[in-house]
N, C-alpha and C. Protein backbone atom coordinates (compact mmCIF):
# COMPACT_ATOMS: atom_id res chain seq x y z
N MET A 1 0.82 -1.19 0.00
CA MET A 1 0.00 0.00 0.00
C MET A 1 0.86 1.25 0.00
N GLY A 2 1.99 1.20 0.68
CA GLY A 2 2.88 2.36 0.73
C GLY A 2 3.42 2.74 -0.64
N PHE A 3 3.69 1.73 -1.45
CA PHE A 3 4.20 1.99 -2.80
C PHE A 3 3.18 2.78 -3.62
N TYR A 4 1.91 2.40 -3.50
CA TYR A 4 0.87 3.11 -4.25
C TYR A 4 0.71 4.54 -3.77
N LEU A 5 0.88 4.77 -2.47
CA LEU A 5 0.82 6.14 -1.95
C LEU A 5 1.98 6.98 -2.46
N ILE A 6 3.15 6.37 -2.57
CA ILE A 6 4.32 7.08 -3.10
C ILE A 6 4.07 7.47 -4.55
N VAL A 7 3.57 6.54 -5.34
CA VAL A 7 3.32 6.82 -6.76
C VAL A 7 2.22 7.87 -6.91
N ALA A 8 1.15 7.76 -6.13
CA ALA A 8 0.06 8.74 -6.21
C ALA A 8 0.56 10.12 -5.80
N SER A 9 1.36 10.19 -4.76
CA SER A 9 1.90 11.47 -4.31
C SER A 9 2.81 12.08 -5.37
N MET A 10 3.61 11.24 -6.01
CA MET A 10 4.50 11.73 -7.06
C MET A 10 3.69 12.28 -8.24
N LEU A 11 2.66 11.55 -8.66
CA LEU A 11 1.86 11.99 -9.80
C LEU A 11 1.09 13.27 -9.49
N LEU A 12 0.53 13.36 -8.29
CA LEU A 12 -0.17 14.59 -7.90
C LEU A 12 0.79 15.76 -7.80
N GLY A 13 2.00 15.50 -7.33
CA GLY A 13 3.01 16.55 -7.26
C GLY A 13 3.40 17.06 -8.64
N LEU A 14 3.54 16.15 -9.60
CA LEU A 14 3.86 16.57 -10.97
C LEU A 14 2.71 17.35 -11.59
N LEU A 15 1.48 16.94 -11.31
CA LEU A 15 0.32 17.67 -11.82
C LEU A 15 0.27 19.07 -11.23
N ALA A 16 0.51 19.19 -9.93
CA ALA A 16 0.53 20.51 -9.29
C ALA A 16 1.66 21.36 -9.83
N LEU A 17 2.78 20.74 -10.14
CA LEU A 17 3.90 21.47 -10.73
C LEU A 17 3.52 22.03 -12.09
N LYS A 18 2.87 21.23 -12.92
CA LYS A 18 2.44 21.69 -14.24
C LYS A 18 1.44 22.83 -14.12
N ILE A 19 0.47 22.70 -13.24
CA ILE A 19 -0.53 23.75 -13.06
C ILE A 19 0.12 25.02 -12.53
N GLY A 20 1.02 24.88 -11.57
CA GLY A 20 1.68 26.04 -11.00
C GLY A 20 2.52 26.80 -12.01
N PHE A 21 3.27 26.07 -12.84
CA PHE A 21 4.11 26.74 -13.83
C PHE A 21 3.27 27.40 -14.93
N SER A 22 2.17 26.74 -15.33
CA SER A 22 1.34 27.34 -16.38
C SER A 22 0.67 28.61 -15.88
N GLN A 23 0.28 28.64 -14.62
CA GLN A 23 -0.34 29.85 -14.07
C GLN A 23 0.70 30.92 -13.82
N PHE A 24 1.91 30.52 -13.47
CA PHE A 24 2.96 31.50 -13.23
C PHE A 24 3.37 32.17 -14.53
N LYS A 25 3.39 31.41 -15.63
CA LYS A 25 3.75 31.98 -16.93
C LYS A 25 2.70 33.00 -17.38
N GLU A 26 1.44 32.69 -17.13
CA GLU A 26 0.37 33.60 -17.53
C GLU A 26 0.22 34.77 -16.55
N LYS A 27 0.78 34.63 -15.37
CA LYS A 27 0.68 35.63 -14.30
C LYS A 27 -0.78 35.97 -14.02
N LYS A 28 -1.59 34.92 -14.05
CA LYS A 28 -3.02 35.10 -13.83
C LYS A 28 -3.33 35.31 -12.36
N ASP A 29 -2.98 34.34 -11.56
CA ASP A 29 -3.34 34.38 -10.14
C ASP A 29 -2.13 33.93 -9.34
N LYS A 30 -1.45 34.88 -8.74
CA LYS A 30 -0.24 34.55 -8.00
C LYS A 30 -0.55 33.71 -6.76
N PHE A 31 -1.69 33.97 -6.10
CA PHE A 31 -2.03 33.22 -4.90
C PHE A 31 -2.22 31.75 -5.23
N LEU A 32 -2.93 31.46 -6.31
CA LEU A 32 -3.16 30.07 -6.69
C LEU A 32 -1.86 29.40 -7.13
N SER A 33 -0.98 30.16 -7.76
CA SER A 33 0.32 29.62 -8.16
C SER A 33 1.15 29.26 -6.93
N ILE A 34 1.14 30.12 -5.93
CA ILE A 34 1.87 29.85 -4.69
C ILE A 34 1.24 28.66 -3.98
N LEU A 35 -0.08 28.59 -3.98
CA LEU A 35 -0.78 27.48 -3.32
C LEU A 35 -0.45 26.14 -3.98
N THR A 36 -0.42 26.10 -5.30
CA THR A 36 -0.08 24.85 -5.98
C THR A 36 1.39 24.49 -5.77
N SER A 37 2.25 25.49 -5.65
CA SER A 37 3.65 25.21 -5.37
C SER A 37 3.82 24.61 -3.98
N LEU A 38 3.07 25.12 -3.01
CA LEU A 38 3.13 24.55 -1.66
C LEU A 38 2.55 23.14 -1.63
N ALA A 39 1.49 22.91 -2.40
CA ALA A 39 0.91 21.57 -2.48
C ALA A 39 1.91 20.60 -3.10
N ARG A 40 2.60 21.06 -4.13
CA ARG A 40 3.61 20.22 -4.78
C ARG A 40 4.71 19.86 -3.81
N LEU A 41 5.18 20.85 -3.07
CA LEU A 41 6.24 20.61 -2.10
C LEU A 41 5.79 19.62 -1.03
N ALA A 42 4.56 19.77 -0.55
CA ALA A 42 4.04 18.86 0.47
C ALA A 42 3.93 17.44 -0.07
N LEU A 43 3.45 17.29 -1.30
CA LEU A 43 3.32 15.96 -1.88
C LEU A 43 4.67 15.30 -2.12
N VAL A 44 5.64 16.08 -2.54
CA VAL A 44 6.98 15.53 -2.74
C VAL A 44 7.59 15.11 -1.41
N LEU A 45 7.40 15.92 -0.37
CA LEU A 45 7.94 15.56 0.94
C LEU A 45 7.26 14.31 1.50
N VAL A 46 5.96 14.15 1.27
CA VAL A 46 5.27 12.94 1.71
C VAL A 46 5.80 11.72 0.96
N ALA A 47 6.04 11.86 -0.34
CA ALA A 47 6.57 10.75 -1.12
C ALA A 47 7.97 10.36 -0.63
N VAL A 48 8.80 11.35 -0.32
CA VAL A 48 10.14 11.06 0.20
C VAL A 48 10.05 10.40 1.56
N TRP A 49 9.16 10.90 2.42
CA TRP A 49 9.02 10.34 3.76
C TRP A 49 8.52 8.89 3.70
N LEU A 50 7.56 8.62 2.80
CA LEU A 50 7.06 7.26 2.67
C LEU A 50 8.11 6.32 2.08
N GLY A 51 8.96 6.83 1.22
CA GLY A 51 9.97 5.99 0.60
C GLY A 51 11.23 5.82 1.43
N TRP A 52 11.38 6.64 2.48
CA TRP A 52 12.58 6.57 3.31
C TRP A 52 12.59 5.26 4.09
N PRO A 53 13.72 4.58 4.13
CA PRO A 53 13.77 3.32 4.89
C PRO A 53 13.58 3.58 6.38
N LYS A 54 12.79 2.73 6.97
CA LYS A 54 12.47 2.92 8.39
C LYS A 54 13.14 1.89 9.25
């Protein structure tokens, strides 16, 4: 189950990265761009934490 959570977190992080960069390029909504960047960072950190050997 942990492997699937790592993969899901990675995919959601990549999706948030794509959304954040596309909004940052358009300079449409800086708040939403910052929010998606924070979500991406959180998802990447969760994936690293789940993958870290315990």
